[in-house]
Amino acid sequence: MNILHLSASPRGDQGDSHQLSSCIVEQLLARHPGAGVTRRALAGGALAHVDGDYARVLASASDETGGHGSLGCSERLIEELACADVLVIGTPMYNLTVPSTLKSWIDHVVRIHRTMRRTPGGKVGTLPDRPVYIAIASGSWRTGERARQPDFLEPYLRAVLPMIGLKDITVFTVEGLGLGPEQAAASRTQARAAVERFFAVQQAA
């Protein structure tokens, strides 16, 4: 098994989304000890936004796969994703949605003529489906009755990833992190327990 672990937290190893997604990777490794893990940090300027060459290829309806700049980067990221049996994403919620670093990765890998194609019924993904685990961290409440703000993050990921064929999506969340140290500690404990329960059920099935 090959695991691709993306982390969009600018706090690196200290980020709650990174830590929760790392917990997911730990659970996967416990069940597949021989699995390999490719870790890609997206923050800190690690991934540039798409450029003119990329836009030119999209506008020309070309299936070109080579090139320099972001087109070449796009190809490498797509190959990296295609080689993964499992995708794990750790991301904070920024201004109701994904941070720009994760959006940049999405722009690189969601590419017409490469990971999706147009059909009369809409866009269809060309990548084989595989499990996708997403760990989301938010300072306030993102879900449930206590949420007081729109959530464009999870619905967006659940819409854009199937466009390239990734439909088996499971989301874990750690929220209320900005509501005081006691609430943050409780949220972290609950989130980790939710991950452990999920994989325990998976193993028993």
Protein backbone atom coordinates (compact mmCIF):
# COMPACT_ATOMS: atom_id res chain seq x y z
CA MET A 1 0.00 0.00 0.00
CA ASN A 2 1.15 3.52 -0.84
CA ILE A 3 -0.22 6.39 1.28
CA LEU A 4 -0.09 10.00 0.12
CA HIS A 5 -0.32 12.38 3.09
CA LEU A 6 -0.99 16.03 2.27
CA SER A 7 -0.72 18.65 5.01
CA ALA A 8 -1.93 22.20 4.40
CA SER A 9 -1.28 23.52 7.90
CA PRO A 10 1.12 26.50 8.03
CA ARG A 11 1.99 25.38 11.57
CA GLY A 12 3.65 22.23 10.29
CA ASP A 13 3.81 19.37 12.79
CA GLN A 14 2.11 21.56 15.42
CA GLY A 15 -1.03 22.09 13.36
CA ASP A 16 -4.16 20.34 14.58
CA SER A 17 -5.16 19.27 11.08
CA HIS A 18 -1.67 17.84 10.58
CA GLN A 19 -1.81 15.95 13.87
CA LEU A 20 -5.29 14.53 13.21
CA SER A 21 -4.35 13.48 9.68
CA SER A 22 -1.17 11.91 11.09
CA CYS A 23 -3.39 9.92 13.45
CA ILE A 24 -5.20 8.59 10.38
CA VAL A 25 -1.88 7.60 8.81
CA GLU A 26 -0.89 5.85 12.06
CA GLN A 27 -4.08 3.81 11.96
CA LEU A 28 -3.45 2.84 8.35
CA LEU A 29 0.13 1.82 9.10
CA ALA A 30 -1.01 -0.27 12.07
CA ARG A 31 -3.19 -2.28 9.69
CA HIS A 32 -0.70 -2.29 6.80
CA PRO A 33 2.79 -2.35 8.41
CA GLY A 34 4.58 -2.56 5.07
CA ALA A 35 2.88 0.50 3.60
CA GLY A 36 4.93 3.37 2.27
CA VAL A 37 4.08 6.99 3.06
CA THR A 38 4.74 9.99 0.82
CA ARG A 39 4.39 13.18 2.86
CA ARG A 40 3.82 16.49 1.10
CA ALA A 41 3.65 19.75 3.05
CA LEU A 42 1.77 22.36 1.04
CA ALA A 43 2.38 25.47 3.16
CA GLY A 44 5.34 27.83 3.28
CA GLY A 45 5.55 28.36 -0.46
CA ALA A 46 6.18 24.68 -1.14
CA LEU A 47 3.73 24.69 -4.05
CA ALA A 48 3.40 27.54 -6.52
CA HIS A 49 0.11 28.48 -8.13
CA VAL A 50 -0.60 27.50 -11.73
CA ASP A 51 0.98 29.71 -14.38
CA GLY A 52 0.51 30.74 -18.01
CA ASP A 53 1.72 27.46 -19.55
CA TYR A 54 -0.85 25.57 -17.54
CA ALA A 55 -3.62 27.96 -18.58
CA ARG A 56 -2.54 27.74 -22.24
CA VAL A 57 -2.86 23.95 -22.26
CA LEU A 58 -6.32 24.11 -20.70
CA ALA A 59 -7.49 26.78 -23.12
CA SER A 60 -6.22 24.82 -26.13
CA ALA A 61 -7.96 21.59 -25.08
CA SER A 62 -4.58 19.87 -25.36
CA ASP A 63 -3.63 16.61 -23.68
CA GLU A 64 -0.01 17.78 -23.40
CA THR A 65 1.71 16.23 -20.40
CA GLY A 66 5.21 17.68 -20.56
CA GLY A 67 6.35 21.24 -20.15
CA HIS A 68 8.01 23.47 -17.62
CA GLY A 69 6.73 25.56 -14.74
CA SER A 70 3.42 24.62 -13.22
CA LEU A 71 2.51 22.29 -16.09
CA GLY A 72 5.45 20.07 -15.25
CA CYS A 73 4.62 20.39 -11.56
CA SER A 74 1.02 19.41 -12.31
CA GLU A 75 2.20 16.28 -14.08
CA ARG A 76 4.42 15.26 -11.17
CA LEU A 77 1.65 15.80 -8.64
CA ILE A 78 -0.83 13.83 -10.75
CA GLU A 79 1.62 10.93 -11.04
CA GLU A 80 2.20 11.05 -7.29
CA LEU A 81 -1.55 10.90 -6.68
CA ALA A 82 -2.06 8.15 -9.25
CA CYS A 83 0.52 5.98 -7.48
CA ALA A 84 -1.21 6.33 -4.11
CA ASP A 85 -3.60 3.66 -2.89
CA VAL A 86 -4.89 5.97 -0.14
CA LEU A 87 -5.04 9.76 0.06
CA VAL A 88 -4.95 11.51 3.45
CA ILE A 89 -5.51 15.28 3.60
CA GLY A 90 -5.03 17.47 6.66
CA THR A 91 -6.36 21.01 6.28
CA PRO A 92 -7.42 23.92 8.44
CA MET A 93 -10.56 25.88 7.63
CA TYR A 94 -9.73 29.42 6.53
CA ASN A 95 -12.42 32.00 5.89
CA LEU A 96 -15.12 29.35 5.48
CA THR A 97 -13.19 27.20 2.99
CA VAL A 98 -9.85 25.59 2.08
CA PRO A 99 -6.55 27.51 2.43
CA SER A 100 -5.01 28.71 -0.81
CA THR A 101 -2.19 26.17 -0.48
CA LEU A 102 -4.62 23.25 -0.73
CA LYS A 103 -6.54 25.01 -3.49
CA SER A 104 -3.27 25.25 -5.43
CA TRP A 105 -2.73 21.48 -5.15
CA ILE A 106 -6.31 20.91 -6.30
CA ASP A 107 -5.78 23.20 -9.30
CA HIS A 108 -2.70 21.18 -10.25
CA VAL A 109 -4.33 17.75 -10.08
CA VAL A 110 -7.88 18.51 -11.25
CA ARG A 111 -7.01 18.90 -14.91
CA ILE A 112 -9.18 18.43 -17.96
CA HIS A 113 -7.90 15.81 -20.47
CA ARG A 114 -5.61 14.43 -17.75
CA THR A 115 -7.59 13.51 -14.64
CA MET A 116 -11.07 14.21 -16.01
CA ARG A 117 -12.90 14.42 -19.32
CA ARG A 118 -15.99 16.17 -20.56
CA THR A 119 -19.07 14.13 -21.46
CA PRO A 120 -22.64 15.11 -22.42
CA GLY A 121 -23.58 14.33 -18.82
CA GLY A 122 -20.83 16.47 -17.31
CA LYS A 123 -17.22 16.00 -16.24
CA VAL A 124 -16.09 12.46 -15.45
CA GLY A 125 -12.99 11.54 -13.50
CA THR A 126 -10.37 9.29 -15.05
CA LEU A 127 -8.50 8.22 -11.91
CA PRO A 128 -9.49 4.94 -10.24
CA ASP A 129 -11.33 5.48 -6.98
CA ARG A 130 -9.49 4.92 -3.70
CA PRO A 131 -10.10 5.82 -0.04
CA VAL A 132 -9.70 9.50 0.79
CA TYR A 133 -9.50 10.53 4.45
CA ILE A 134 -9.78 14.23 5.27
CA ALA A 135 -8.94 15.80 8.65
CA ILE A 136 -10.35 19.31 9.08
CA ALA A 137 -9.43 21.70 11.91
CA SER A 138 -11.43 24.84 12.74
CA GLY A 139 -11.26 27.45 15.46
CA SER A 140 -15.02 27.60 15.91
CA TRP A 141 -17.83 25.11 15.40
CA ARG A 142 -18.03 23.91 11.81
CA THR A 143 -20.78 21.31 12.10
CA GLY A 144 -23.91 20.64 14.12
CA GLU A 145 -26.31 22.93 15.95
CA ARG A 146 -23.53 25.10 17.39
CA ALA A 147 -22.22 26.14 13.96
CA ARG A 148 -22.78 29.85 13.31
CA GLN A 149 -21.01 30.15 9.98
CA PRO A 150 -21.32 28.60 6.52
CA ASP A 151 -19.07 25.68 5.66
CA PHE A 152 -17.81 25.78 2.08
CA LEU A 153 -14.81 23.55 2.84
CA GLU A 154 -16.24 20.05 3.20
CA PRO A 155 -18.92 20.47 0.49
CA TYR A 156 -16.27 21.79 -1.90
CA LEU A 157 -13.93 18.83 -1.32
CA ARG A 158 -16.84 16.41 -1.64
CA ALA A 159 -17.68 18.02 -5.00
CA VAL A 160 -14.25 18.54 -6.55
CA LEU A 161 -12.52 15.25 -5.69
CA PRO A 162 -15.20 13.08 -7.38
CA MET A 163 -14.60 15.15 -10.53
CA ILE A 164 -11.31 13.26 -10.92
CA GLY A 165 -12.72 9.91 -9.77
CA LEU A 166 -12.13 10.06 -5.99
CA LYS A 167 -15.53 9.33 -4.44
CA ASP A 168 -14.74 7.20 -1.37
CA ILE A 169 -14.40 10.14 1.05
CA THR A 170 -14.41 10.04 4.86
CA VAL A 171 -14.14 13.26 6.87
CA PHE A 172 -12.94 13.69 10.45
CA THR A 173 -13.09 17.04 12.20
CA VAL A 174 -11.55 18.75 15.19
CA GLU A 175 -13.38 22.00 15.93
CA GLY A 176 -13.84 24.64 18.59
CA LEU A 177 -10.07 24.99 18.91
CA GLY A 178 -10.27 28.76 19.43
CA LEU A 179 -12.80 28.55 22.25
CA GLY A 180 -10.37 28.16 25.12
CA PRO A 181 -7.78 25.58 26.17
CA GLU A 182 -10.26 23.22 27.89
CA GLN A 183 -12.52 23.05 24.84
CA ALA A 184 -9.54 22.63 22.51
CA ALA A 185 -8.19 19.73 24.59
CA ALA A 186 -11.60 18.07 24.68
CA SER A 187 -12.03 18.49 20.93
CA ARG A 188 -8.65 16.95 20.22
CA THR A 189 -9.43 13.95 22.42
CA GLN A 190 -12.85 13.46 20.80
CA ALA A 191 -11.43 13.74 17.27
CA ARG A 192 -8.70 11.19 17.88
CA ALA A 193 -11.21 8.83 19.49
CA ALA A 194 -13.46 9.17 16.42
CA VAL A 195 -10.58 8.14 14.16
CA GLU A 196 -9.73 5.15 16.35
CA ARG A 197 -13.38 4.02 16.49
CA PHE A 198 -13.74 4.28 12.74
CA PHE A 199 -10.73 2.10 12.00
CA ALA A 200 -11.66 -0.38 14.74
CA VAL A 201 -15.02 -0.86 13.03
CA GLN A 202 -13.30 -1.18 9.66
CA GLN A 203 -11.01 -3.86 10.99
CA ALA A 204 -13.88 -5.78 12.56
CA ALA A 205 -15.98 -5.70 9.39
